Amino acid sequence: MPCDVYEAAWMFFIYACIGWCTEVIYVGLNKGHFVNRGFFNGPICPIYGIGVLIVVAVLTPLKNNFILLFLGSMVLTSLLEFLTGLILEKLFSQKWWDYSDMPFNIKGYVCLKFSIYWGMGCMLVMNVVHPGIYRSIRFIPRKLGIIFLVILLVLFIADLCVTVNILLKFNRNLRSMEKIANAIHKLSDEVGEDIFEKASAVVSKREDIHEDLKEKRMELERLNEEYKRILEERYFGFKRLIKAFPSMRSKKWDELLQQLKKEK
């Protein structure tokens, strides 16, 4: 178990990096190519770092009882995954992973298959991996270790700021696309109504009608171009997130999100 914040911080970063590597290998074997997994741009998945810390802190006294260790790991890590998915959806209006099509899932945030994987993984970590990593942490000279931790923390915060900015811009784009789509629909209805209502006056008011329809057609073209521009816009980090979370769903703009995913 970590004795202080220094050791806990090292454990967090090491297991967050190992978790990222595990995700990359798992997805790579399934898809046949590299995918930069995780919420962040760097090689880190914080949920793994936090998960292992919780398991080590709570279940170390049970490490020799394989059944309780397995069940405890399943419960703790599944609870963490559920809360993480729920919080991220509340903050950014996106459901980053969705297990709804898998058996024995809870609101799509967790499912039995991956809970079992979590339990097996934590057993492996506790009895095989962690002892060696903990000795390595204690082997690092304290002052040198603190310097490295500060560097890692700065990089982590910078990555967090960049990622949050990408997500905020992403949601702004979806919001803009929704407004443009609504405007296009409304303007199209107006054009149709104008044509229907003024059909009987085509001869006497032909020029007025033509000018009115011309202006509305130009506005429709402008809105369509703006919609297309947002749809085709590419910016740093967004394409990676789409690939990293292929089952991502949007709470507010899911139809637009699925359209964006096809385009990207």
C-alpha atoms as a PDB file:
ATOM      1  CA  MET A   1       0.000   0.000   0.000  1.00  0.00           C
ATOM      2  CA  PRO A   2       1.206   3.583  -0.633  1.00  0.00           C
ATOM      3  CA  CYS A   3       2.634   5.176   2.498  1.00  0.00           C
ATOM      4  CA  ASP A   4       2.157   8.789   1.412  1.00  0.00           C
ATOM      5  CA  VAL A   5       1.019  11.099  -1.400  1.00  0.00           C
ATOM      6  CA  TYR A   6       4.365  10.725  -3.174  1.00  0.00           C
ATOM      7  CA  GLU A   7       3.999   6.950  -3.573  1.00  0.00           C
ATOM      8  CA  ALA A   8       0.289   7.236  -4.414  1.00  0.00           C
ATOM      9  CA  ALA A   9       1.074   9.767  -7.171  1.00  0.00           C
ATOM     10  CA  TRP A  10       3.677   7.449  -8.710  1.00  0.00           C
ATOM     11  CA  MET A  11       1.250   4.545  -8.590  1.00  0.00           C
ATOM     12  CA  PHE A  12      -1.429   6.645 -10.280  1.00  0.00           C
ATOM     13  CA  PHE A  13       0.794   7.681 -13.203  1.00  0.00           C
ATOM     14  CA  ILE A  14       2.378   4.247 -13.669  1.00  0.00           C
ATOM     15  CA  TYR A  15      -0.918   2.359 -13.708  1.00  0.00           C
ATOM     16  CA  ALA A  16      -2.624   5.040 -15.798  1.00  0.00           C
ATOM     17  CA  CYS A  17       0.111   4.509 -18.404  1.00  0.00           C
ATOM     18  CA  ILE A  18      -0.103   0.700 -18.124  1.00  0.00           C
ATOM     19  CA  GLY A  19      -3.877   0.993 -18.534  1.00  0.00           C
ATOM     20  CA  TRP A  20      -3.419   3.042 -21.701  1.00  0.00           C
ATOM     21  CA  CYS A  21      -1.030   0.406 -23.087  1.00  0.00           C
ATOM     22  CA  THR A  22      -3.535  -2.330 -22.216  1.00  0.00           C
ATOM     23  CA  GLU A  23      -6.350  -0.468 -23.998  1.00  0.00           C
ATOM     24  CA  VAL A  24      -4.173   0.113 -27.081  1.00  0.00           C
ATOM     25  CA  ILE A  25      -3.166  -3.559 -27.255  1.00  0.00           C
ATOM     26  CA  TYR A  26      -6.740  -4.808 -26.720  1.00  0.00           C
ATOM     27  CA  VAL A  27      -8.235  -2.517 -29.374  1.00  0.00           C
ATOM     28  CA  GLY A  28      -5.302  -3.087 -31.723  1.00  0.00           C
ATOM     29  CA  LEU A  29      -5.785  -6.861 -31.593  1.00  0.00           C
ATOM     30  CA  ASN A  30      -9.519  -6.447 -32.271  1.00  0.00           C
ATOM     31  CA  LYS A  31      -9.300  -3.811 -35.009  1.00  0.00           C
ATOM     32  CA  GLY A  32      -5.931  -4.684 -36.520  1.00  0.00           C
ATOM     33  CA  HIS A  33      -4.455  -1.196 -36.240  1.00  0.00           C
ATOM     34  CA  PHE A  34      -3.268   1.330 -33.653  1.00  0.00           C
ATOM     35  CA  VAL A  35      -5.875   3.497 -31.914  1.00  0.00           C
ATOM     36  CA  ASN A  36      -4.845   6.121 -29.356  1.00  0.00           C
ATOM     37  CA  ARG A  37      -7.295   5.152 -26.645  1.00  0.00           C
ATOM     38  CA  GLY A  38      -8.397   7.179 -23.675  1.00  0.00           C
ATOM     39  CA  PHE A  39      -9.905  10.539 -22.861  1.00  0.00           C
ATOM     40  CA  PHE A  40      -6.543  12.334 -23.013  1.00  0.00           C
ATOM     41  CA  ASN A  41      -4.131  12.905 -25.884  1.00  0.00           C
ATOM     42  CA  GLY A  42      -1.094  11.553 -24.010  1.00  0.00           C
ATOM     43  CA  PRO A  43      -0.404   7.884 -23.149  1.00  0.00           C
ATOM     44  CA  ILE A  44      -2.515   7.873 -20.001  1.00  0.00           C
ATOM     45  CA  CYS A  45      -5.914   6.525 -18.876  1.00  0.00           C
ATOM     46  CA  PRO A  46      -6.577   8.035 -15.436  1.00  0.00           C
ATOM     47  CA  ILE A  47      -9.409   5.610 -14.657  1.00  0.00           C
ATOM     48  CA  TYR A  48      -6.856   2.778 -14.477  1.00  0.00           C
ATOM     49  CA  GLY A  49      -4.574   4.738 -12.160  1.00  0.00           C
ATOM     50  CA  ILE A  50      -7.461   5.611  -9.842  1.00  0.00           C
ATOM     51  CA  GLY A  51      -8.897   2.093 -10.054  1.00  0.00           C
ATOM     52  CA  VAL A  52      -5.673   0.365  -9.052  1.00  0.00           C
ATOM     53  CA  LEU A  53      -5.105   2.859  -6.244  1.00  0.00           C
ATOM     54  CA  ILE A  54      -8.552   2.112  -4.823  1.00  0.00           C
ATOM     55  CA  VAL A  55      -8.100  -1.648  -5.131  1.00  0.00           C
ATOM     56  CA  VAL A  56      -4.629  -1.569  -3.525  1.00  0.00           C
ATOM     57  CA  ALA A  57      -5.786   0.693  -0.687  1.00  0.00           C
ATOM     58  CA  VAL A  58      -8.960  -1.279   0.087  1.00  0.00           C
ATOM     59  CA  LEU A  59      -8.169  -4.881  -0.827  1.00  0.00           C
ATOM     60  CA  THR A  60      -4.513  -5.388   0.142  1.00  0.00           C
ATOM     61  CA  PRO A  61      -5.574  -7.220   3.337  1.00  0.00           C
ATOM     62  CA  LEU A  62      -7.488  -9.669   1.088  1.00  0.00           C
ATOM     63  CA  LYS A  63      -4.792 -10.237  -1.542  1.00  0.00           C
ATOM     64  CA  ASN A  64      -4.300 -13.882  -0.515  1.00  0.00           C
ATOM     65  CA  ASN A  65      -8.029 -14.629  -0.655  1.00  0.00           C
ATOM     66  CA  PHE A  66      -8.499 -14.941  -4.393  1.00  0.00           C
ATOM     67  CA  ILE A  67     -12.293 -15.164  -4.326  1.00  0.00           C
ATOM     68  CA  LEU A  68     -12.795 -12.046  -2.175  1.00  0.00           C
ATOM     69  CA  LEU A  69     -10.059 -10.201  -4.077  1.00  0.00           C
ATOM     70  CA  PHE A  70     -11.733 -11.019  -7.401  1.00  0.00           C
ATOM     71  CA  LEU A  71     -15.234 -10.085  -6.261  1.00  0.00           C
ATOM     72  CA  GLY A  72     -14.057  -6.953  -4.443  1.00  0.00           C
ATOM     73  CA  SER A  73     -12.082  -5.817  -7.498  1.00  0.00           C
ATOM     74  CA  MET A  74     -15.116  -6.367  -9.731  1.00  0.00           C
ATOM     75  CA  VAL A  75     -17.370  -4.312  -7.467  1.00  0.00           C
ATOM     76  CA  LEU A  76     -14.957  -1.423  -6.821  1.00  0.00           C
ATOM     77  CA  THR A  77     -13.759  -0.996 -10.406  1.00  0.00           C
ATOM     78  CA  SER A  78     -17.253  -1.378 -11.882  1.00  0.00           C
ATOM     79  CA  LEU A  79     -18.540   1.271  -9.493  1.00  0.00           C
ATOM     80  CA  LEU A  80     -15.682   3.556 -10.542  1.00  0.00           C
ATOM     81  CA  GLU A  81     -16.403   2.956 -14.247  1.00  0.00           C
ATOM     82  CA  PHE A  82     -20.125   3.606 -13.726  1.00  0.00           C
ATOM     83  CA  LEU A  83     -19.531   6.870 -11.835  1.00  0.00           C
ATOM     84  CA  THR A  84     -16.892   8.028 -14.339  1.00  0.00           C
ATOM     85  CA  GLY A  85     -19.199   7.430 -17.310  1.00  0.00           C
ATOM     86  CA  LEU A  86     -22.111   9.133 -15.546  1.00  0.00           C
ATOM     87  CA  ILE A  87     -20.055  12.199 -14.541  1.00  0.00           C
ATOM     88  CA  LEU A  88     -18.515  12.606 -18.004  1.00  0.00           C
ATOM     89  CA  GLU A  89     -21.966  12.437 -19.592  1.00  0.00           C
ATOM     90  CA  LYS A  90     -23.312  15.067 -17.186  1.00  0.00           C
ATOM     91  CA  LEU A  91     -20.322  17.371 -17.819  1.00  0.00           C
ATOM     92  CA  PHE A  92     -20.017  17.083 -21.612  1.00  0.00           C
ATOM     93  CA  SER A  93     -23.421  15.687 -22.741  1.00  0.00           C
ATOM     94  CA  GLN A  94     -21.690  12.692 -24.334  1.00  0.00           C
ATOM     95  CA  LYS A  95     -21.823   9.025 -23.390  1.00  0.00           C
ATOM     96  CA  TRP A  96     -18.230   8.039 -24.104  1.00  0.00           C
ATOM     97  CA  TRP A  97     -18.743   4.281 -24.076  1.00  0.00           C
ATOM     98  CA  ASP A  98     -21.942   2.314 -24.378  1.00  0.00           C
ATOM     99  CA  TYR A  99     -22.388  -1.333 -23.395  1.00  0.00           C
ATOM    100  CA  SER A 100     -26.156  -1.264 -23.970  1.00  0.00           C
ATOM    101  CA  ASP A 101     -25.926  -4.005 -26.603  1.00  0.00           C
ATOM    102  CA  MET A 102     -24.031  -6.318 -24.235  1.00  0.00           C
ATOM    103  CA  PRO A 103     -25.725  -8.709 -21.772  1.00  0.00           C
ATOM    104  CA  PHE A 104     -25.943  -7.865 -18.069  1.00  0.00           C
ATOM    105  CA  ASN A 105     -25.159  -4.177 -18.451  1.00  0.00           C
ATOM    106  CA  ILE A 106     -26.222  -1.325 -16.168  1.00  0.00           C
ATOM    107  CA  LYS A 107     -27.452   1.681 -18.178  1.00  0.00           C
ATOM    108  CA  GLY A 108     -24.695   0.981 -20.715  1.00  0.00           C
ATOM    109  CA  TYR A 109     -21.946   2.242 -18.398  1.00  0.00           C
ATOM    110  CA  VAL A 110     -20.790  -1.170 -17.137  1.00  0.00           C
ATOM    111  CA  CYS A 111     -21.340  -4.763 -18.197  1.00  0.00           C
ATOM    112  CA  LEU A 112     -20.532  -8.177 -16.772  1.00  0.00           C
ATOM    113  CA  LYS A 113     -17.900  -9.008 -19.424  1.00  0.00           C
ATOM    114  CA  PHE A 114     -15.655  -6.049 -18.665  1.00  0.00           C
ATOM    115  CA  SER A 115     -16.334  -6.247 -14.931  1.00  0.00           C
ATOM    116  CA  ILE A 116     -14.893  -9.767 -15.047  1.00  0.00           C
ATOM    117  CA  TYR A 117     -11.914  -8.433 -16.995  1.00  0.00           C
ATOM    118  CA  TRP A 118     -11.434  -5.771 -14.310  1.00  0.00           C
ATOM    119  CA  GLY A 119     -11.529  -8.417 -11.573  1.00  0.00           C
ATOM    120  CA  MET A 120      -9.041 -10.701 -13.326  1.00  0.00           C
ATOM    121  CA  GLY A 121      -6.770  -7.778 -14.162  1.00  0.00           C
ATOM    122  CA  CYS A 122      -6.709  -6.543 -10.583  1.00  0.00           C
ATOM    123  CA  MET A 123      -5.855 -10.035  -9.303  1.00  0.00           C
ATOM    124  CA  LEU A 124      -2.922 -10.134 -11.713  1.00  0.00           C
ATOM    125  CA  VAL A 125      -1.806  -6.662 -10.662  1.00  0.00           C
ATOM    126  CA  MET A 126      -2.075  -7.301  -6.923  1.00  0.00           C
ATOM    127  CA  ASN A 127      -0.211 -10.630  -6.908  1.00  0.00           C
ATOM    128  CA  VAL A 128       2.226 -10.324  -9.818  1.00  0.00           C
ATOM    129  CA  VAL A 129       2.704  -6.782 -11.110  1.00  0.00           C
ATOM    130  CA  HIS A 130       2.337  -4.489  -8.109  1.00  0.00           C
ATOM    131  CA  PRO A 131       5.054  -5.884  -5.821  1.00  0.00           C
ATOM    132  CA  GLY A 132       7.724  -5.177  -8.438  1.00  0.00           C
ATOM    133  CA  ILE A 133       6.348  -1.730  -9.287  1.00  0.00           C
ATOM    134  CA  TYR A 134       6.128  -0.757  -5.629  1.00  0.00           C
ATOM    135  CA  ARG A 135       9.769  -1.784  -5.072  1.00  0.00           C
ATOM    136  CA  SER A 136      10.750   0.289  -8.122  1.00  0.00           C
ATOM    137  CA  ILE A 137       8.942   3.346  -6.738  1.00  0.00           C
ATOM    138  CA  ARG A 138      10.779   3.051  -3.434  1.00  0.00           C
ATOM    139  CA  PHE A 139      14.072   2.521  -5.285  1.00  0.00           C
ATOM    140  CA  ILE A 140      13.854   5.930  -7.038  1.00  0.00           C
ATOM    141  CA  PRO A 141      15.711   8.656  -5.086  1.00  0.00           C
ATOM    142  CA  ARG A 142      13.053  10.804  -3.413  1.00  0.00           C
ATOM    143  CA  LYS A 143      14.221  14.198  -4.717  1.00  0.00           C
ATOM    144  CA  LEU A 144      14.596  12.918  -8.270  1.00  0.00           C
ATOM    145  CA  GLY A 145      11.195  11.242  -8.023  1.00  0.00           C
ATOM    146  CA  ILE A 146       9.535  14.488  -6.916  1.00  0.00           C
ATOM    147  CA  ILE A 147      11.056  16.345  -9.887  1.00  0.00           C
ATOM    148  CA  PHE A 148       9.721  13.739 -12.306  1.00  0.00           C
ATOM    149  CA  LEU A 149       6.300  13.819 -10.638  1.00  0.00           C
ATOM    150  CA  VAL A 150       6.100  17.606 -10.994  1.00  0.00           C
ATOM    151  CA  ILE A 151       6.930  17.304 -14.713  1.00  0.00           C
ATOM    152  CA  LEU A 152       4.298  14.570 -15.147  1.00  0.00           C
ATOM    153  CA  LEU A 153       1.717  16.633 -13.253  1.00  0.00           C
ATOM    154  CA  VAL A 154       2.343  19.707 -15.426  1.00  0.00           C
ATOM    155  CA  LEU A 155       2.010  17.632 -18.609  1.00  0.00           C
ATOM    156  CA  PHE A 156      -1.139  15.993 -17.238  1.00  0.00           C
ATOM    157  CA  ILE A 157      -2.778  19.355 -16.431  1.00  0.00           C
ATOM    158  CA  ALA A 158      -1.810  20.735 -19.851  1.00  0.00           C
ATOM    159  CA  ASP A 159      -3.311  17.679 -21.559  1.00  0.00           C
ATOM    160  CA  LEU A 160      -6.456  18.052 -19.448  1.00  0.00           C
ATOM    161  CA  CYS A 161      -6.857  21.712 -20.495  1.00  0.00           C
ATOM    162  CA  VAL A 162      -6.347  20.869 -24.197  1.00  0.00           C
ATOM    163  CA  THR A 163      -8.826  17.975 -24.023  1.00  0.00           C
ATOM    164  CA  VAL A 164     -11.508  20.023 -22.260  1.00  0.00           C
ATOM    165  CA  ASN A 165     -11.075  22.803 -24.834  1.00  0.00           C
ATOM    166  CA  ILE A 166     -11.535  20.283 -27.665  1.00  0.00           C
ATOM    167  CA  LEU A 167     -14.709  18.938 -26.071  1.00  0.00           C
ATOM    168  CA  LEU A 168     -16.152  22.410 -25.506  1.00  0.00           C
ATOM    169  CA  LYS A 169     -15.472  23.312 -29.146  1.00  0.00           C
ATOM    170  CA  PHE A 170     -16.976  19.996 -30.201  1.00  0.00           C
ATOM    171  CA  ASN A 171     -20.211  20.763 -28.333  1.00  0.00           C
ATOM    172  CA  ARG A 172     -20.274  24.316 -29.739  1.00  0.00           C
ATOM    173  CA  ASN A 173     -20.082  22.851 -33.238  1.00  0.00           C
ATOM    174  CA  LEU A 174     -22.946  20.445 -32.540  1.00  0.00           C
ATOM    175  CA  ARG A 175     -24.991  23.302 -31.089  1.00  0.00           C
ATOM    176  CA  SER A 176     -24.279  25.440 -34.194  1.00  0.00           C
ATOM    177  CA  MET A 177     -25.196  22.590 -36.507  1.00  0.00           C
ATOM    178  CA  GLU A 178     -28.491  22.142 -34.676  1.00  0.00           C
ATOM    179  CA  LYS A 179     -29.326  25.845 -35.038  1.00  0.00           C
ATOM    180  CA  ILE A 180     -28.412  25.840 -38.736  1.00  0.00           C
ATOM    181  CA  ALA A 181     -30.423  22.665 -39.390  1.00  0.00           C
ATOM    182  CA  ASN A 182     -33.456  24.209 -37.691  1.00  0.00           C
ATOM    183  CA  ALA A 183     -33.014  27.429 -39.676  1.00  0.00           C
ATOM    184  CA  ILE A 184     -32.759  25.474 -42.943  1.00  0.00           C
ATOM    185  CA  HIS A 185     -35.916  23.534 -42.103  1.00  0.00           C
ATOM    186  CA  LYS A 186     -37.823  26.709 -41.201  1.00  0.00           C
ATOM    187  CA  LEU A 187     -36.654  28.576 -44.305  1.00  0.00           C
ATOM    188  CA  SER A 188     -37.518  25.621 -46.540  1.00  0.00           C
ATOM    189  CA  ASP A 189     -41.042  25.596 -45.092  1.00  0.00           C
ATOM    190  CA  GLU A 190     -41.369  29.330 -45.733  1.00  0.00           C
ATOM    191  CA  VAL A 191     -40.290  28.921 -49.362  1.00  0.00           C
ATOM    192  CA  GLY A 192     -42.841  26.131 -49.849  1.00  0.00           C
ATOM    193  CA  GLU A 193     -45.609  28.183 -48.215  1.00  0.00           C
ATOM    194  CA  ASP A 194     -44.779  31.222 -50.344  1.00  0.00           C
ATOM    195  CA  ILE A 195     -44.967  29.174 -53.521  1.00  0.00           C
ATOM    196  CA  PHE A 196     -48.278  27.629 -52.495  1.00  0.00           C
ATOM    197  CA  GLU A 197     -49.928  30.841 -51.284  1.00  0.00           C
ATOM    198  CA  LYS A 198     -48.822  32.944 -54.223  1.00  0.00           C
ATOM    199  CA  ALA A 199     -49.269  30.420 -56.968  1.00  0.00           C
ATOM    200  CA  SER A 200     -52.485  32.126 -58.084  1.00  0.00           C
ATOM    201  CA  ALA A 201     -50.713  35.468 -58.376  1.00  0.00           C
ATOM    202  CA  VAL A 202     -47.763  34.258 -60.421  1.00  0.00           C
ATOM    203  CA  VAL A 203     -48.586  36.459 -63.414  1.00  0.00           C
ATOM    204  CA  SER A 204     -49.402  39.734 -61.685  1.00  0.00           C
ATOM    205  CA  LYS A 205     -46.732  39.565 -58.986  1.00  0.00           C
ATOM    206  CA  ARG A 206     -44.146  37.455 -60.715  1.00  0.00           C
ATOM    207  CA  GLU A 207     -41.238  39.845 -60.166  1.00  0.00           C
ATOM    208  CA  ASP A 208     -41.969  40.372 -56.454  1.00  0.00           C
ATOM    209  CA  ILE A 209     -42.290  36.648 -55.855  1.00  0.00           C
ATOM    210  CA  HIS A 210     -39.156  35.902 -57.849  1.00  0.00           C
ATOM    211  CA  GLU A 211     -37.125  38.415 -55.824  1.00  0.00           C
ATOM    212  CA  ASP A 212     -38.467  37.116 -52.523  1.00  0.00           C
ATOM    213  CA  LEU A 213     -37.732  33.506 -53.426  1.00  0.00           C
ATOM    214  CA  LYS A 214     -34.298  34.459 -54.744  1.00  0.00           C
ATOM    215  CA  GLU A 215     -33.354  35.986 -51.376  1.00  0.00           C
ATOM    216  CA  LYS A 216     -34.564  32.923 -49.499  1.00  0.00           C
ATOM    217  CA  ARG A 217     -32.724  30.570 -51.853  1.00  0.00           C
ATOM    218  CA  MET A 218     -29.532  32.544 -51.279  1.00  0.00           C
ATOM    219  CA  GLU A 219     -30.027  32.311 -47.518  1.00  0.00           C
ATOM    220  CA  LEU A 220     -30.616  28.558 -47.840  1.00  0.00           C
ATOM    221  CA  GLU A 221     -27.398  28.188 -49.831  1.00  0.00           C
ATOM    222  CA  ARG A 222     -25.485  30.176 -47.202  1.00  0.00           C
ATOM    223  CA  LEU A 223     -26.851  28.042 -44.369  1.00  0.00           C
ATOM    224  CA  ASN A 224     -26.086  24.830 -46.249  1.00  0.00           C
ATOM    225  CA  GLU A 225     -22.503  25.977 -46.872  1.00  0.00           C
ATOM    226  CA  GLU A 226     -22.052  26.851 -43.193  1.00  0.00           C
ATOM    227  CA  TYR A 227     -23.464  23.474 -42.167  1.00  0.00           C
ATOM    228  CA  LYS A 228     -21.125  21.711 -44.592  1.00  0.00           C
ATOM    229  CA  ARG A 229     -18.143  23.714 -43.311  1.00  0.00           C
ATOM    230  CA  ILE A 230     -18.781  22.662 -39.705  1.00  0.00           C
ATOM    231  CA  LEU A 231     -19.391  19.071 -40.777  1.00  0.00           C
ATOM    232  CA  GLU A 232     -16.055  18.912 -42.614  1.00  0.00           C
ATOM    233  CA  GLU A 233     -14.062  20.921 -40.071  1.00  0.00           C
ATOM    234  CA  ARG A 234     -11.107  19.089 -38.615  1.00  0.00           C
ATOM    235  CA  TYR A 235      -9.183  20.265 -35.597  1.00  0.00           C
ATOM    236  CA  PHE A 236      -6.556  18.831 -33.293  1.00  0.00           C
ATOM    237  CA  GLY A 237      -7.713  15.985 -31.087  1.00  0.00           C
ATOM    238  CA  PHE A 238     -11.287  15.600 -32.295  1.00  0.00           C
ATOM    239  CA  LYS A 239     -10.636  12.884 -34.866  1.00  0.00           C
ATOM    240  CA  ARG A 240      -8.653  10.951 -32.233  1.00  0.00           C
ATOM    241  CA  LEU A 241     -11.548  11.094 -29.753  1.00  0.00           C
ATOM    242  CA  ILE A 242     -13.964   9.795 -32.386  1.00  0.00           C
ATOM    243  CA  LYS A 243     -11.670   6.826 -33.042  1.00  0.00           C
ATOM    244  CA  ALA A 244     -10.938   6.258 -29.347  1.00  0.00           C
ATOM    245  CA  PHE A 245     -14.643   6.111 -28.433  1.00  0.00           C
ATOM    246  CA  PRO A 246     -16.439   4.613 -31.462  1.00  0.00           C
ATOM    247  CA  SER A 247     -19.603   3.892 -29.433  1.00  0.00           C
ATOM    248  CA  MET A 248     -19.840   7.473 -28.123  1.00  0.00           C
ATOM    249  CA  ARG A 249     -23.387   8.863 -28.026  1.00  0.00           C
ATOM    250  CA  SER A 250     -24.600  12.425 -27.461  1.00  0.00           C
ATOM    251  CA  LYS A 251     -27.327  13.167 -24.941  1.00  0.00           C
ATOM    252  CA  LYS A 252     -28.527  16.267 -26.834  1.00  0.00           C
ATOM    253  CA  TRP A 253     -27.326  15.952 -30.423  1.00  0.00           C
ATOM    254  CA  ASP A 254     -26.897  12.237 -31.122  1.00  0.00           C
ATOM    255  CA  GLU A 255     -28.160  12.337 -34.720  1.00  0.00           C
ATOM    256  CA  LEU A 256     -25.694  15.113 -35.555  1.00  0.00           C
ATOM    257  CA  LEU A 257     -22.883  13.294 -33.713  1.00  0.00           C
ATOM    258  CA  GLN A 258     -23.439  10.105 -35.695  1.00  0.00           C
ATOM    259  CA  GLN A 259     -23.347  12.167 -38.883  1.00  0.00           C
ATOM    260  CA  LEU A 260     -20.064  13.754 -37.786  1.00  0.00           C
ATOM    261  CA  LYS A 261     -18.604  10.340 -36.979  1.00  0.00           C
ATOM    262  CA  LYS A 262     -19.379   9.157 -40.522  1.00  0.00           C
ATOM    263  CA  GLU A 263     -17.744  12.242 -42.023  1.00  0.00           C
ATOM    264  CA  LYS A 264     -14.613  12.002 -39.872  1.00  0.00           C
END
